[in-house]
């Protein structure tokens, strides 16, 4: 089943400049690895050495943070969008 993985500008260099990549996946983990299969290098930027989502990366499915759903095992429906969003920190008063 086809889903869309939406990528921020920081990760687009890894996927040929594309803002979105369409892949076949049934859960978030499979979606990330499907993009990795097409564009090697993405998974290591999103997942840590234990295969979990890095602390500074937020992953959303239909505007819901997967950390409050089933994490990487969150089930996807056809046509859904998985958004990879790096956390924003820092700044000054």
Protein backbone atom coordinates (compact mmCIF):
# COMPACT_ATOMS: atom_id res chain seq x y z
CA UNK A 1 0.00 0.00 0.00
CA UNK A 2 1.33 3.38 -0.98
CA UNK A 3 2.12 6.12 1.57
CA UNK A 4 3.96 9.43 1.36
CA UNK A 5 7.04 10.22 3.44
CA UNK A 6 7.43 13.98 3.77
CA UNK A 7 10.96 15.25 4.34
CA UNK A 8 12.26 18.55 5.71
CA UNK A 9 14.78 20.58 3.74
CA UNK A 10 17.63 19.25 5.93
CA UNK A 11 17.02 15.70 4.67
CA UNK A 12 16.14 16.46 1.06
CA UNK A 13 19.76 16.28 -0.07
CA UNK A 14 19.61 12.58 0.78
CA UNK A 15 16.62 11.99 -1.52
CA UNK A 16 17.61 13.94 -4.60
CA UNK A 17 15.96 17.16 -3.42
CA UNK A 18 12.47 15.69 -3.20
CA UNK A 19 10.07 17.03 -0.54
CA UNK A 20 8.04 13.82 -0.59
CA UNK A 21 8.82 10.22 -1.43
CA UNK A 22 6.11 7.68 -2.19
CA UNK A 23 6.77 4.17 -0.86
CA UNK A 24 4.89 0.96 -0.15
CA UNK A 25 4.62 0.42 3.61
CA UNK A 26 2.24 -0.86 6.26
CA UNK A 27 3.88 0.81 9.27
CA UNK A 28 6.26 3.67 10.07
CA UNK A 29 9.32 1.42 10.38
CA UNK A 30 8.71 -0.08 6.95
CA UNK A 31 8.18 3.38 5.46
CA UNK A 32 11.53 4.65 6.74
CA UNK A 33 13.35 1.56 5.48
CA UNK A 34 11.55 1.75 2.12
CA UNK A 35 12.89 5.28 1.65
CA UNK A 36 16.32 4.01 2.77
CA UNK A 37 16.16 1.31 0.07
CA UNK A 38 15.58 3.98 -2.59
CA UNK A 39 17.95 6.56 -1.09
CA UNK A 40 20.66 5.06 1.16
CA UNK A 41 21.66 7.21 4.11
CA UNK A 42 18.27 8.40 5.35
CA UNK A 43 17.71 5.76 8.05
CA UNK A 44 20.91 6.58 9.92
CA UNK A 45 19.82 10.22 10.14
CA UNK A 46 16.40 9.29 11.52
CA UNK A 47 17.10 6.14 13.57
CA UNK A 48 19.73 5.57 16.25
CA UNK A 49 22.06 2.57 16.58
CA UNK A 50 19.32 0.63 18.38
CA UNK A 51 16.91 1.23 15.49
CA UNK A 52 14.74 3.68 17.45
CA UNK A 53 13.73 7.18 16.43
CA UNK A 54 16.48 9.64 17.36
CA UNK A 55 15.68 12.03 20.20
CA UNK A 56 15.92 15.08 17.96
CA UNK A 57 13.64 13.72 15.23
CA UNK A 58 9.87 13.88 15.46
CA UNK A 59 7.77 11.56 13.33
CA UNK A 60 4.12 12.31 12.63
CA UNK A 61 1.39 10.27 10.97
CA UNK A 62 -1.67 12.28 10.03
CA UNK A 63 -0.48 15.08 12.36
CA UNK A 64 -0.13 12.69 15.33
CA UNK A 65 3.28 12.18 16.98
CA UNK A 66 4.07 8.46 16.71
CA UNK A 67 5.61 8.54 20.20
CA UNK A 68 2.02 8.82 21.46
CA UNK A 69 0.78 6.13 19.09
CA UNK A 70 2.66 2.86 18.50
CA UNK A 71 6.05 4.36 17.66
CA UNK A 72 7.72 2.73 14.69
CA UNK A 73 5.01 0.07 14.72
CA UNK A 74 2.25 2.63 14.05
CA UNK A 75 0.08 1.13 11.32
CA UNK A 76 -0.36 3.15 8.15
CA UNK A 77 -3.36 3.34 5.86
CA UNK A 78 -3.08 3.78 2.10
CA UNK A 79 -2.44 7.38 1.18
CA UNK A 80 -1.36 8.51 4.64
CA UNK A 81 1.56 10.87 5.11
CA UNK A 82 4.51 10.22 7.40
CA UNK A 83 6.32 13.46 8.23
CA UNK A 84 9.91 13.44 9.46
CA UNK A 85 10.55 16.65 11.40
CA UNK A 86 13.82 17.53 13.12
CA UNK A 87 13.33 19.06 16.55
CA UNK A 88 14.07 22.77 16.76
CA UNK A 89 16.07 23.98 19.74
CA UNK A 90 18.10 26.94 20.79
CA UNK A 91 17.51 30.57 20.26
CA UNK A 92 17.89 33.63 22.32
CA UNK A 93 15.57 35.80 24.38
